[in-house]
Amino acid sequence: MNGFNDPWSGYLPIVDAEPAGGIAGLRLLPWTGPDGKPAYTPEGNPLGLIAQIADDMEASQLQYAREVLSTTQALLDEPSKLDDAQARYVIRMLCGAVSDTLRVAKSRGMRLTIAGADE
């Protein structure tokens, strides 16, 4: 699901925490820290490298979700072409896509809540 659980991700400036909601000034990233916990970065630089990487990854995750949904819908239109192993694979792909999409929604919702509190 997240493409940043590799050695390079150790170089990303993340704050490792597990808050119940948004933390003022922090953005939930679309990947996790090395220990699998949510990763955050300061929001102070929305045009910075980490923000751009996060934006690109969120866009990729949402595009992937669209593609998985489209493929799944096509397979459901032809159920005779779908065996049990393929159905399990499609379900795993859907679960990953939904999980990523919910994380993007949570991150964006946290930022809206924080932005709204400042007004």
PDB file of N, CA and C in Angstrom:
ATOM      1  N   MET A   1       0.815  -1.179   0.000  1.00  0.00           N
ATOM      2  CA  MET A   1       0.000   0.000   0.000  1.00  0.00           C
ATOM      3  C   MET A   1       0.869   1.257   0.000  1.00  0.00           C
ATOM      4  N   ASN A   2       1.664   1.465   1.060  1.00  0.00           N
ATOM      5  CA  ASN A   2       2.462   2.677   1.024  1.00  0.00           C
ATOM      6  C   ASN A   2       3.854   2.343   0.513  1.00  0.00           C
ATOM      7  N   GLY A   3       4.324   3.150  -0.404  1.00  0.00           N
ATOM      8  CA  GLY A   3       5.591   2.898  -1.052  1.00  0.00           C
ATOM      9  C   GLY A   3       6.778   3.452  -0.308  1.00  0.00           C
ATOM     10  N   PHE A   4       6.603   3.874   0.932  1.00  0.00           N
ATOM     11  CA  PHE A   4       7.697   4.521   1.638  1.00  0.00           C
ATOM     12  C   PHE A   4       8.244   3.685   2.787  1.00  0.00           C
ATOM     13  N   ASN A   5       7.867   2.424   2.896  1.00  0.00           N
ATOM     14  CA  ASN A   5       8.454   1.557   3.918  1.00  0.00           C
ATOM     15  C   ASN A   5       9.702   0.906   3.330  1.00  0.00           C
ATOM     16  N   ASP A   6      10.683   1.715   3.043  1.00  0.00           N
ATOM     17  CA  ASP A   6      11.951   1.255   2.512  1.00  0.00           C
ATOM     18  C   ASP A   6      13.067   2.013   3.220  1.00  0.00           C
ATOM     19  N   PRO A   7      14.319   1.657   3.000  1.00  0.00           N
ATOM     20  CA  PRO A   7      15.408   2.334   3.712  1.00  0.00           C
ATOM     21  C   PRO A   7      15.417   3.842   3.514  1.00  0.00           C
ATOM     22  N   TRP A   8      14.988   4.326   2.359  1.00  0.00           N
ATOM     23  CA  TRP A   8      15.010   5.754   2.086  1.00  0.00           C
ATOM     24  C   TRP A   8      14.059   6.511   3.000  1.00  0.00           C
ATOM     25  N   SER A   9      12.961   5.851   3.411  1.00  0.00           N
ATOM     26  CA  SER A   9      11.964   6.548   4.227  1.00  0.00           C
ATOM     27  C   SER A   9      12.518   6.990   5.571  1.00  0.00           C
ATOM     28  N   GLY A  10      13.595   6.386   6.025  1.00  0.00           N
ATOM     29  CA  GLY A  10      14.205   6.796   7.274  1.00  0.00           C
ATOM     30  C   GLY A  10      14.741   8.208   7.226  1.00  0.00           C
ATOM     31  N   TYR A  11      14.892   8.748   6.030  1.00  0.00           N
ATOM     32  CA  TYR A  11      15.406  10.095   5.881  1.00  0.00           C
ATOM     33  C   TYR A  11      14.311  11.155   5.831  1.00  0.00           C
ATOM     34  N   LEU A  12      13.042  10.729   5.855  1.00  0.00           N
ATOM     35  CA  LEU A  12      11.947  11.683   5.821  1.00  0.00           C
ATOM     36  C   LEU A  12      11.761  12.286   7.206  1.00  0.00           C
ATOM     37  N   PRO A  13      11.609  13.588   7.299  1.00  0.00           N
ATOM     38  CA  PRO A  13      11.422  14.211   8.611  1.00  0.00           C
ATOM     39  C   PRO A  13       9.999  13.991   9.108  1.00  0.00           C
ATOM     40  N   ILE A  14       9.798  12.942   9.876  1.00  0.00           N
ATOM     41  CA  ILE A  14       8.465  12.633  10.366  1.00  0.00           C
ATOM     42  C   ILE A  14       8.425  12.781  11.878  1.00  0.00           C
ATOM     43  N   VAL A  15       7.262  13.071  12.368  1.00  0.00           N
ATOM     44  CA  VAL A  15       7.010  13.088  13.799  1.00  0.00           C
ATOM     45  C   VAL A  15       6.144  11.876  14.063  1.00  0.00           C
ATOM     46  N   ASP A  16       6.604  10.976  14.904  1.00  0.00           N
ATOM     47  CA  ASP A  16       5.881   9.737  15.152  1.00  0.00           C
ATOM     48  C   ASP A  16       4.979   9.908  16.361  1.00  0.00           C
ATOM     49  N   ALA A  17       3.681   9.863  16.130  1.00  0.00           N
ATOM     50  CA  ALA A  17       2.717  10.030  17.205  1.00  0.00           C
ATOM     51  C   ALA A  17       1.413   9.373  16.788  1.00  0.00           C
ATOM     52  N   GLU A  18       0.507   9.223  17.722  1.00  0.00           N
ATOM     53  CA  GLU A  18      -0.788   8.645  17.411  1.00  0.00           C
ATOM     54  C   GLU A  18      -1.890   9.442  18.078  1.00  0.00           C
ATOM     55  N   PRO A  19      -2.169  10.645  17.560  1.00  0.00           N
ATOM     56  CA  PRO A  19      -3.188  11.483  18.183  1.00  0.00           C
ATOM     57  C   PRO A  19      -4.594  11.010  17.833  1.00  0.00           C
ATOM     58  N   ALA A  20      -5.545  11.394  18.673  1.00  0.00           N
ATOM     59  CA  ALA A  20      -6.938  11.054  18.412  1.00  0.00           C
ATOM     60  C   ALA A  20      -7.489  11.863  17.257  1.00  0.00           C
ATOM     61  N   GLY A  21      -6.994  13.075  17.066  1.00  0.00           N
ATOM     62  CA  GLY A  21      -7.452  13.940  15.992  1.00  0.00           C
ATOM     63  C   GLY A  21      -6.280  14.721  15.453  1.00  0.00           C
ATOM     64  N   GLY A  22      -6.578  15.794  14.781  1.00  0.00           N
ATOM     65  CA  GLY A  22      -5.519  16.605  14.209  1.00  0.00           C
ATOM     66  C   GLY A  22      -4.697  17.312  15.273  1.00  0.00           C
ATOM     67  N   ILE A  23      -3.456  17.515  14.955  1.00  0.00           N
ATOM     68  CA  ILE A  23      -2.566  18.281  15.823  1.00  0.00           C
ATOM     69  C   ILE A  23      -2.253  19.561  15.066  1.00  0.00           C
ATOM     70  N   ALA A  24      -2.516  20.686  15.694  1.00  0.00           N
ATOM     71  CA  ALA A  24      -2.278  21.966  15.030  1.00  0.00           C
ATOM     72  C   ALA A  24      -0.861  22.017  14.487  1.00  0.00           C
ATOM     73  N   GLY A  25      -0.758  22.343  13.217  1.00  0.00           N
ATOM     74  CA  GLY A  25       0.544  22.517  12.601  1.00  0.00           C
ATOM     75  C   GLY A  25       1.177  21.250  12.060  1.00  0.00           C
ATOM     76  N   LEU A  26       0.512  20.081  12.209  1.00  0.00           N
ATOM     77  CA  LEU A  26       1.061  18.837  11.681  1.00  0.00           C
ATOM     78  C   LEU A  26       0.127  18.241  10.632  1.00  0.00           C
ATOM     79  N   ARG A  27       0.723  17.635   9.647  1.00  0.00           N
ATOM     80  CA  ARG A  27      -0.034  16.986   8.573  1.00  0.00           C
ATOM     81  C   ARG A  27       0.181  15.482   8.652  1.00  0.00           C
ATOM     82  N   LEU A  28      -0.909  14.721   8.640  1.00  0.00           N
ATOM     83  CA  LEU A  28      -0.834  13.266   8.567  1.00  0.00           C
ATOM     84  C   LEU A  28      -0.343  12.896   7.172  1.00  0.00           C
ATOM     85  N   LEU A  29       0.721  12.124   7.109  1.00  0.00           N
ATOM     86  CA  LEU A  29       1.296  11.738   5.822  1.00  0.00           C
ATOM     87  C   LEU A  29       0.635  10.467   5.300  1.00  0.00           C
ATOM     88  N   PRO A  30       0.670  10.246   3.989  1.00  0.00           N
ATOM     89  CA  PRO A  30       0.017   9.070   3.412  1.00  0.00           C
ATOM     90  C   PRO A  30       0.853   7.792   3.518  1.00  0.00           C
ATOM     91  N   TRP A  31       1.820   7.777   4.394  1.00  0.00           N
ATOM     92  CA  TRP A  31       2.604   6.578   4.678  1.00  0.00           C
ATOM     93  C   TRP A  31       2.835   6.526   6.183  1.00  0.00           C
ATOM     94  N   THR A  32       3.329   5.401   6.653  1.00  0.00           N
ATOM     95  CA  THR A  32       3.575   5.246   8.072  1.00  0.00           C
ATOM     96  C   THR A  32       5.064   5.348   8.366  1.00  0.00           C
ATOM     97  N   GLY A  33       5.378   5.502   9.648  1.00  0.00           N
ATOM     98  CA  GLY A  33       6.769   5.511  10.081  1.00  0.00           C
ATOM     99  C   GLY A  33       7.331   4.103  10.033  1.00  0.00           C
ATOM    100  N   PRO A  34       8.606   3.932  10.329  1.00  0.00           N
ATOM    101  CA  PRO A  34       9.246   2.618  10.258  1.00  0.00           C
ATOM    102  C   PRO A  34       8.590   1.564  11.152  1.00  0.00           C
ATOM    103  N   ASP A  35       7.955   1.988  12.244  1.00  0.00           N
ATOM    104  CA  ASP A  35       7.307   1.040  13.150  1.00  0.00           C
ATOM    105  C   ASP A  35       5.821   0.851  12.849  1.00  0.00           C
ATOM    106  N   GLY A  36       5.347   1.408  11.728  1.00  0.00           N
ATOM    107  CA  GLY A  36       3.961   1.242  11.320  1.00  0.00           C
ATOM    108  C   GLY A  36       2.990   2.247  11.912  1.00  0.00           C
ATOM    109  N   LYS A  37       3.481   3.150  12.747  1.00  0.00           N
ATOM    110  CA  LYS A  37       2.615   4.170  13.345  1.00  0.00           C
ATOM    111  C   LYS A  37       2.424   5.327  12.364  1.00  0.00           C
ATOM    112  N   PRO A  38       1.362   6.125  12.567  1.00  0.00           N
ATOM    113  CA  PRO A  38       1.140   7.274  11.686  1.00  0.00           C
ATOM    114  C   PRO A  38       2.349   8.204  11.667  1.00  0.00           C
ATOM    115  N   ALA A  39       2.594   8.775  10.514  1.00  0.00           N
ATOM    116  CA  ALA A  39       3.702   9.717  10.349  1.00  0.00           C
ATOM    117  C   ALA A  39       3.135  11.105  10.085  1.00  0.00           C
ATOM    118  N   TYR A  40       3.761  12.107  10.654  1.00  0.00           N
ATOM    119  CA  TYR A  40       3.333  13.496  10.532  1.00  0.00           C
ATOM    120  C   TYR A  40       4.512  14.356  10.131  1.00  0.00           C
ATOM    121  N   THR A  41       4.215  15.470   9.521  1.00  0.00           N
ATOM    122  CA  THR A  41       5.237  16.454   9.200  1.00  0.00           C
ATOM    123  C   THR A  41       4.657  17.836   9.475  1.00  0.00           C
ATOM    124  N   PRO A  42       5.489  18.797   9.813  1.00  0.00           N
ATOM    125  CA  PRO A  42       4.969  20.152  10.027  1.00  0.00           C
ATOM    126  C   PRO A  42       4.305  20.687   8.761  1.00  0.00           C
ATOM    127  N   GLU A  43       3.181  21.396   8.947  1.00  0.00           N
ATOM    128  CA  GLU A  43       2.446  21.942   7.810  1.00  0.00           C
ATOM    129  C   GLU A  43       2.954  23.304   7.366  1.00  0.00           C
ATOM    130  N   GLY A  44       3.924  23.842   8.049  1.00  0.00           N
ATOM    131  CA  GLY A  44       4.368  25.210   7.803  1.00  0.00           C
ATOM    132  C   GLY A  44       4.853  25.503   6.401  1.00  0.00           C
ATOM    133  N   ASN A  45       5.195  24.463   5.625  1.00  0.00           N
ATOM    134  CA  ASN A  45       5.716  24.684   4.284  1.00  0.00           C
ATOM    135  C   ASN A  45       4.961  23.816   3.281  1.00  0.00           C
ATOM    136  N   PRO A  46       3.747  24.245   2.862  1.00  0.00           N
ATOM    137  CA  PRO A  46       2.946  23.418   1.959  1.00  0.00           C
ATOM    138  C   PRO A  46       3.573  23.231   0.584  1.00  0.00           C
ATOM    139  N   LEU A  47       4.589  24.017   0.255  1.00  0.00           N
ATOM    140  CA  LEU A  47       5.274  23.865  -1.027  1.00  0.00           C
ATOM    141  C   LEU A  47       6.606  23.137  -0.867  1.00  0.00           C
ATOM    142  N   GLY A  48       6.905  22.658   0.336  1.00  0.00           N
ATOM    143  CA  GLY A  48       8.158  21.966   0.604  1.00  0.00           C
ATOM    144  C   GLY A  48       8.191  20.572  -0.011  1.00  0.00           C
ATOM    145  N   LEU A  49       9.372  19.977   0.026  1.00  0.00           N
ATOM    146  CA  LEU A  49       9.589  18.668  -0.587  1.00  0.00           C
ATOM    147  C   LEU A  49       8.674  17.593  -0.001  1.00  0.00           C
ATOM    148  N   ILE A  50       8.589  17.501   1.327  1.00  0.00           N
ATOM    149  CA  ILE A  50       7.761  16.454   1.939  1.00  0.00           C
ATOM    150  C   ILE A  50       6.292  16.654   1.586  1.00  0.00           C
ATOM    151  N   ALA A  51       5.815  17.904   1.611  1.00  0.00           N
ATOM    152  CA  ALA A  51       4.420  18.178   1.242  1.00  0.00           C
ATOM    153  C   ALA A  51       4.164  17.787  -0.211  1.00  0.00           C
ATOM    154  N   GLN A  52       5.110  18.068  -1.089  1.00  0.00           N
ATOM    155  CA  GLN A  52       4.948  17.705  -2.502  1.00  0.00           C
ATOM    156  C   GLN A  52       4.940  16.191  -2.689  1.00  0.00           C
ATOM    157  N   ILE A  53       5.830  15.490  -1.965  1.00  0.00           N
ATOM    158  CA  ILE A  53       5.850  14.026  -2.047  1.00  0.00           C
ATOM    159  C   ILE A  53       4.530  13.469  -1.529  1.00  0.00           C
ATOM    160  N   ALA A  54       4.042  14.009  -0.413  1.00  0.00           N
ATOM    161  CA  ALA A  54       2.773  13.553   0.152  1.00  0.00           C
ATOM    162  C   ALA A  54       1.618  13.822  -0.809  1.00  0.00           C
ATOM    163  N   ASP A  55       1.585  15.013  -1.411  1.00  0.00           N
ATOM    164  CA  ASP A  55       0.530  15.344  -2.382  1.00  0.00           C
ATOM    165  C   ASP A  55       0.561  14.378  -3.565  1.00  0.00           C
ATOM    166  N   ASP A  56       1.762  14.099  -4.080  1.00  0.00           N
ATOM    167  CA  ASP A  56       1.909  13.176  -5.214  1.00  0.00           C
ATOM    168  C   ASP A  56       1.463  11.764  -4.833  1.00  0.00           C
ATOM    169  N   MET A  57       1.848  11.335  -3.640  1.00  0.00           N
ATOM    170  CA  MET A  57       1.472   9.995  -3.203  1.00  0.00           C
ATOM    171  C   MET A  57      -0.039   9.897  -3.013  1.00  0.00           C
ATOM    172  N   GLU A  58      -0.660  10.924  -2.416  1.00  0.00           N
ATOM    173  CA  GLU A  58      -2.116  10.917  -2.263  1.00  0.00           C
ATOM    174  C   GLU A  58      -2.800  10.850  -3.624  1.00  0.00           C
ATOM    175  N   ALA A  59      -2.317  11.625  -4.580  1.00  0.00           N
ATOM    176  CA  ALA A  59      -2.898  11.600  -5.932  1.00  0.00           C
ATOM    177  C   ALA A  59      -2.760  10.214  -6.547  1.00  0.00           C
ATOM    178  N   SER A  60      -1.610   9.580  -6.356  1.00  0.00           N
ATOM    179  CA  SER A  60      -1.387   8.225  -6.881  1.00  0.00           C
ATOM    180  C   SER A  60      -2.314   7.223  -6.209  1.00  0.00           C
ATOM    181  N   GLN A  61      -2.477   7.358  -4.884  1.00  0.00           N
ATOM    182  CA  GLN A  61      -3.361   6.448  -4.165  1.00  0.00           C
ATOM    183  C   GLN A  61      -4.807   6.583  -4.635  1.00  0.00           C
ATOM    184  N   LEU A  62      -5.254   7.802  -4.846  1.00  0.00           N
ATOM    185  CA  LEU A  62      -6.624   8.014  -5.308  1.00  0.00           C
ATOM    186  C   LEU A  62      -6.812   7.508  -6.736  1.00  0.00           C
ATOM    187  N   GLN A  63      -5.817   7.696  -7.589  1.00  0.00           N
ATOM    188  CA  GLN A  63      -5.889   7.180  -8.960  1.00  0.00           C
ATOM    189  C   GLN A  63      -5.922   5.654  -8.940  1.00  0.00           C
ATOM    190  N   TYR A  64      -5.095   5.048  -8.097  1.00  0.00           N
ATOM    191  CA  TYR A  64      -5.090   3.593  -7.964  1.00  0.00           C
ATOM    192  C   TYR A  64      -6.471   3.097  -7.520  1.00  0.00           C
ATOM    193  N   ALA A  65      -7.085   3.790  -6.564  1.00  0.00           N
ATOM    194  CA  ALA A  65      -8.421   3.404  -6.096  1.00  0.00           C
ATOM    195  C   ALA A  65      -9.436   3.453  -7.240  1.00  0.00           C
ATOM    196  N   ARG A  66      -9.344   4.490  -8.069  1.00  0.00           N
ATOM    197  CA  ARG A  66     -10.246   4.588  -9.237  1.00  0.00           C
ATOM    198  C   ARG A  66     -10.046   3.398 -10.171  1.00  0.00           C
ATOM    199  N   GLU A  67      -8.787   3.043 -10.410  1.00  0.00           N
ATOM    200  CA  GLU A  67      -8.482   1.933 -11.321  1.00  0.00           C
ATOM    201  C   GLU A  67      -8.953   0.596 -10.760  1.00  0.00           C
ATOM    202  N   VAL A  68      -8.738   0.377  -9.459  1.00  0.00           N
ATOM    203  CA  VAL A  68      -9.185  -0.862  -8.836  1.00  0.00           C
ATOM    204  C   VAL A  68     -10.709  -0.943  -8.878  1.00  0.00           C
ATOM    205  N   LEU A  69     -11.377   0.164  -8.608  1.00  0.00           N
ATOM    206  CA  LEU A  69     -12.841   0.186  -8.659  1.00  0.00           C
ATOM    207  C   LEU A  69     -13.337  -0.126 -10.067  1.00  0.00           C
ATOM    208  N   SER A  70     -12.744   0.496 -11.056  1.00  0.00           N
ATOM    209  CA  SER A  70     -13.142   0.260 -12.442  1.00  0.00           C
ATOM    210  C   SER A  70     -12.934  -1.207 -12.845  1.00  0.00           C
ATOM    211  N   THR A  71     -11.783  -1.758 -12.479  1.00  0.00           N
ATOM    212  CA  THR A  71     -11.489  -3.159 -12.790  1.00  0.00           C
ATOM    213  C   THR A  71     -12.468  -4.080 -12.086  1.00  0.00           C
ATOM    214  N   THR A  72     -12.742  -3.792 -10.829  1.00  0.00           N
ATOM    215  CA  THR A  72     -13.667  -4.621 -10.056  1.00  0.00           C
ATOM    216  C   THR A  72     -15.064  -4.582 -10.665  1.00  0.00           C
ATOM    217  N   GLN A  73     -15.505  -3.387 -11.047  1.00  0.00           N
ATOM    218  CA  GLN A  73     -16.825  -3.276 -11.663  1.00  0.00           C
ATOM    219  C   GLN A  73     -16.892  -4.081 -12.949  1.00  0.00           C
ATOM    220  N   ALA A  74     -15.830  -4.032 -13.744  1.00  0.00           N
ATOM    221  CA  ALA A  74     -15.798  -4.804 -14.997  1.00  0.00           C
ATOM    222  C   ALA A  74     -15.832  -6.309 -14.705  1.00  0.00           C
ATOM    223  N   LEU A  75     -15.100  -6.746 -13.692  1.00  0.00           N
ATOM    224  CA  LEU A  75     -15.099  -8.168 -13.338  1.00  0.00           C
ATOM    225  C   LEU A  75     -16.459  -8.617 -12.828  1.00  0.00           C
ATOM    226  N   LEU A  76     -17.138  -7.756 -12.093  1.00  0.00           N
ATOM    227  CA  LEU A  76     -18.457  -8.112 -11.575  1.00  0.00           C
ATOM    228  C   LEU A  76     -19.494  -8.213 -12.688  1.00  0.00           C
ATOM    229  N   ASP A  77     -19.253  -7.515 -13.794  1.00  0.00           N
ATOM    230  CA  ASP A  77     -20.149  -7.613 -14.950  1.00  0.00           C
ATOM    231  C   ASP A  77     -19.997  -8.957 -15.663  1.00  0.00           C
ATOM    232  N   GLU A  78     -18.857  -9.622 -15.442  1.00  0.00           N
ATOM    233  CA  GLU A  78     -18.577 -10.924 -16.054  1.00  0.00           C
ATOM    234  C   GLU A  78     -18.159 -11.915 -14.962  1.00  0.00           C
ATOM    235  N   PRO A  79     -19.064 -12.261 -14.035  1.00  0.00           N
ATOM    236  CA  PRO A  79     -18.674 -13.096 -12.893  1.00  0.00           C
ATOM    237  C   PRO A  79     -18.141 -14.472 -13.284  1.00  0.00           C
ATOM    238  N   SER A  80     -18.513 -14.982 -14.438  1.00  0.00           N
ATOM    239  CA  SER A  80     -18.026 -16.309 -14.844  1.00  0.00           C
ATOM    240  C   SER A  80     -16.530 -16.297 -15.130  1.00  0.00           C
ATOM    241  N   LYS A  81     -15.954 -15.111 -15.347  1.00  0.00           N
ATOM    242  CA  LYS A  81     -14.517 -15.000 -15.628  1.00  0.00           C
ATOM    243  C   LYS A  81     -13.685 -14.875 -14.347  1.00  0.00           C
ATOM    244  N   LEU A  82     -14.339 -14.902 -13.192  1.00  0.00           N
ATOM    245  CA  LEU A  82     -13.671 -14.657 -11.931  1.00  0.00           C
ATOM    246  C   LEU A  82     -13.672 -15.915 -11.073  1.00  0.00           C
ATOM    247  N   ASP A  83     -12.489 -16.534 -10.893  1.00  0.00           N
ATOM    248  CA  ASP A  83     -12.424 -17.701 -10.007  1.00  0.00           C
ATOM    249  C   ASP A  83     -12.159 -17.239  -8.569  1.00  0.00           C
ATOM    250  N   ASP A  84     -12.137 -18.180  -7.631  1.00  0.00           N
ATOM    251  CA  ASP A  84     -11.984 -17.833  -6.215  1.00  0.00           C
ATOM    252  C   ASP A  84     -10.678 -17.097  -5.922  1.00  0.00           C
ATOM    253  N   ALA A  85      -9.592 -17.542  -6.486  1.00  0.00           N
ATOM    254  CA  ALA A  85      -8.288 -16.896  -6.238  1.00  0.00           C
ATOM    255  C   ALA A  85      -8.290 -15.461  -6.763  1.00  0.00           C
ATOM    256  N   GLN A  86      -8.872 -15.263  -7.943  1.00  0.00           N
ATOM    257  CA  GLN A  86      -8.948 -13.913  -8.504  1.00  0.00           C
ATOM    258  C   GLN A  86      -9.853 -13.020  -7.657  1.00  0.00           C
ATOM    259  N   ALA A  87     -10.947 -13.582  -7.161  1.00  0.00           N
ATOM    260  CA  ALA A  87     -11.861 -12.808  -6.309  1.00  0.00           C
ATOM    261  C   ALA A  87     -11.149 -12.369  -5.032  1.00  0.00           C
ATOM    262  N   ARG A  88     -10.382 -13.277  -4.408  1.00  0.00           N
ATOM    263  CA  ARG A  88      -9.631 -12.912  -3.204  1.00  0.00           C
ATOM    264  C   ARG A  88      -8.607 -11.820  -3.512  1.00  0.00           C
ATOM    265  N   TYR A  89      -7.946 -11.929  -4.655  1.00  0.00           N
ATOM    266  CA  TYR A  89      -6.960 -10.920  -5.050  1.00  0.00           C
ATOM    267  C   TYR A  89      -7.633  -9.551  -5.225  1.00  0.00           C
ATOM    268  N   VAL A  90      -8.769  -9.529  -5.901  1.00  0.00           N
ATOM    269  CA  VAL A  90      -9.498  -8.277  -6.122  1.00  0.00           C
ATOM    270  C   VAL A  90      -9.954  -7.688  -4.785  1.00  0.00           C
ATOM    271  N   ILE A  91     -10.408  -8.537  -3.887  1.00  0.00           N
ATOM    272  CA  ILE A  91     -10.842  -8.056  -2.573  1.00  0.00           C
ATOM    273  C   ILE A  91      -9.660  -7.453  -1.817  1.00  0.00           C
ATOM    274  N   ARG A  92      -8.488  -8.092  -1.890  1.00  0.00           N
ATOM    275  CA  ARG A  92      -7.293  -7.522  -1.236  1.00  0.00           C
ATOM    276  C   ARG A  92      -6.940  -6.164  -1.837  1.00  0.00           C
ATOM    277  N   MET A  93      -7.020  -6.048  -3.148  1.00  0.00           N
ATOM    278  CA  MET A  93      -6.715  -4.774  -3.807  1.00  0.00           C
ATOM    279  C   MET A  93      -7.730  -3.704  -3.396  1.00  0.00           C
ATOM    280  N   LEU A  94      -9.002  -4.077  -3.322  1.00  0.00           N
ATOM    281  CA  LEU A  94     -10.035  -3.134  -2.879  1.00  0.00           C
ATOM    282  C   LEU A  94      -9.794  -2.690  -1.439  1.00  0.00           C
ATOM    283  N   CYS A  95      -9.441  -3.632  -0.574  1.00  0.00           N
ATOM    284  CA  CYS A  95      -9.172  -3.278   0.830  1.00  0.00           C
ATOM    285  C   CYS A  95      -8.014  -2.292   0.933  1.00  0.00           C
ATOM    286  N   GLY A  96      -6.957  -2.524   0.174  1.00  0.00           N
ATOM    287  CA  GLY A  96      -5.821  -1.603   0.183  1.00  0.00           C
ATOM    288  C   GLY A  96      -6.201  -0.235  -0.341  1.00  0.00           C
ATOM    289  N   ALA A  97      -6.962  -0.208  -1.421  1.00  0.00           N
ATOM    290  CA  ALA A  97      -7.375   1.068  -2.014  1.00  0.00           C
ATOM    291  C   ALA A  97      -8.291   1.838  -1.075  1.00  0.00           C
ATOM    292  N   VAL A  98      -9.216   1.141  -0.423  1.00  0.00           N
ATOM    293  CA  VAL A  98     -10.114   1.812   0.527  1.00  0.00           C
ATOM    294  C   VAL A  98      -9.318   2.327   1.722  1.00  0.00           C
ATOM    295  N   SER A  99      -8.397   1.529   2.223  1.00  0.00           N
ATOM    296  CA  SER A  99      -7.570   1.946   3.354  1.00  0.00           C
ATOM    297  C   SER A  99      -6.774   3.207   3.020  1.00  0.00           C
ATOM    298  N   ASP A 100      -6.141   3.224   1.852  1.00  0.00           N
ATOM    299  CA  ASP A 100      -5.379   4.405   1.429  1.00  0.00           C
ATOM    300  C   ASP A 100      -6.285   5.616   1.268  1.00  0.00           C
ATOM    301  N   THR A 101      -7.451   5.420   0.670  1.00  0.00           N
ATOM    302  CA  THR A 101      -8.382   6.520   0.438  1.00  0.00           C
ATOM    303  C   THR A 101      -8.897   7.085   1.765  1.00  0.00           C
ATOM    304  N   LEU A 102      -9.170   6.222   2.728  1.00  0.00           N
ATOM    305  CA  LEU A 102      -9.621   6.689   4.037  1.00  0.00           C
ATOM    306  C   LEU A 102      -8.522   7.485   4.744  1.00  0.00           C
ATOM    307  N   ARG A 103      -7.276   7.081   4.572  1.00  0.00           N
ATOM    308  CA  ARG A 103      -6.156   7.821   5.174  1.00  0.00           C
ATOM    309  C   ARG A 103      -6.040   9.213   4.544  1.00  0.00           C
ATOM    310  N   VAL A 104      -6.202   9.295   3.218  1.00  0.00           N
ATOM    311  CA  VAL A 104      -6.179  10.598   2.541  1.00  0.00           C
ATOM    312  C   VAL A 104      -7.318  11.468   3.060  1.00  0.00           C
ATOM    313  N   ALA A 105      -8.511  10.878   3.174  1.00  0.00           N
ATOM    314  CA  ALA A 105      -9.665  11.636   3.670  1.00  0.00           C
ATOM    315  C   ALA A 105      -9.435  12.111   5.098  1.00  0.00           C
ATOM    316  N   LYS A 106      -8.876  11.251   5.937  1.00  0.00           N
ATOM    317  CA  LYS A 106      -8.601  11.635   7.323  1.00  0.00           C
ATOM    318  C   LYS A 106      -7.599  12.782   7.369  1.00  0.00           C
ATOM    319  N   SER A 107      -6.538  12.681   6.583  1.00  0.00           N
ATOM    320  CA  SER A 107      -5.516  13.731   6.556  1.00  0.00           C
ATOM    321  C   SER A 107      -6.113  15.057   6.109  1.00  0.00           C
ATOM    322  N   ARG A 108      -6.890  15.014   5.048  1.00  0.00           N
ATOM    323  CA  ARG A 108      -7.490  16.252   4.540  1.00  0.00           C
ATOM    324  C   ARG A 108      -8.527  16.796   5.509  1.00  0.00           C
ATOM    325  N   GLY A 109      -9.296  15.914   6.128  1.00  0.00           N
ATOM    326  CA  GLY A 109     -10.285  16.351   7.103  1.00  0.00           C
ATOM    327  C   GLY A 109      -9.636  16.991   8.317  1.00  0.00           C
ATOM    328  N   MET A 110      -8.517  16.423   8.771  1.00  0.00           N
ATOM    329  CA  MET A 110      -7.794  17.006   9.900  1.00  0.00           C
ATOM    330  C   MET A 110      -7.310  18.410   9.554  1.00  0.00           C
ATOM    331  N   ARG A 111      -6.829  18.571   8.332  1.00  0.00           N
ATOM    332  CA  ARG A 111      -6.335  19.892   7.933  1.00  0.00           C
ATOM    333  C   ARG A 111      -7.481  20.884   7.802  1.00  0.00           C
ATOM    334  N   LEU A 112      -8.645  20.452   7.355  1.00  0.00           N
ATOM    335  CA  LEU A 112      -9.808  21.352   7.276  1.00  0.00           C
ATOM    336  C   LEU A 112     -10.250  21.769   8.668  1.00  0.00           C
ATOM    337  N   THR A 113     -10.275  20.814   9.598  1.00  0.00           N
ATOM    338  CA  THR A 113     -10.674  21.099  10.977  1.00  0.00           C
ATOM    339  C   THR A 113      -9.724  22.108  11.596  1.00  0.00           C
ATOM    340  N   ILE A 114      -8.435  21.897  11.403  1.00  0.00           N
ATOM    341  CA  ILE A 114      -7.429  22.794  11.965  1.00  0.00           C
ATOM    342  C   ILE A 114      -7.544  24.174  11.329  1.00  0.00           C
ATOM    343  N   ALA A 115      -7.715  24.226  10.001  1.00  0.00           N
ATOM    344  CA  ALA A 115      -7.847  25.505   9.307  1.00  0.00           C
ATOM    345  C   ALA A 115      -9.104  26.234   9.766  1.00  0.00           C
ATOM    346  N   GLY A 116     -10.194  25.499   9.966  1.00  0.00           N
ATOM    347  CA  GLY A 116     -11.450  26.107  10.410  1.00  0.00           C
ATOM    348  C   GLY A 116     -11.367  26.649  11.817  1.00  0.00           C
ATOM    349  N   ALA A 117     -10.552  26.050  12.655  1.00  0.00           N
ATOM    350  CA  ALA A 117     -10.411  26.510  14.041  1.00  0.00           C
ATOM    351  C   ALA A 117      -9.704  27.860  14.120  1.00  0.00           C
ATOM    352  N   ASP A 118      -8.883  28.164  13.114  1.00  0.00           N
ATOM    353  CA  ASP A 118      -8.143  29.417  13.091  1.00  0.00           C
ATOM    354  C   ASP A 118      -9.013  30.607  12.680  1.00  0.00           C
ATOM    355  N   GLU A 119     -10.151  30.334  12.061  1.00  0.00           N
ATOM    356  CA  GLU A 119     -11.000  31.416  11.536  1.00  0.00           C
ATOM    357  C   GLU A 119     -11.853  32.042  12.598  1.00  0.00           C
TER     358      GLU A 119
END
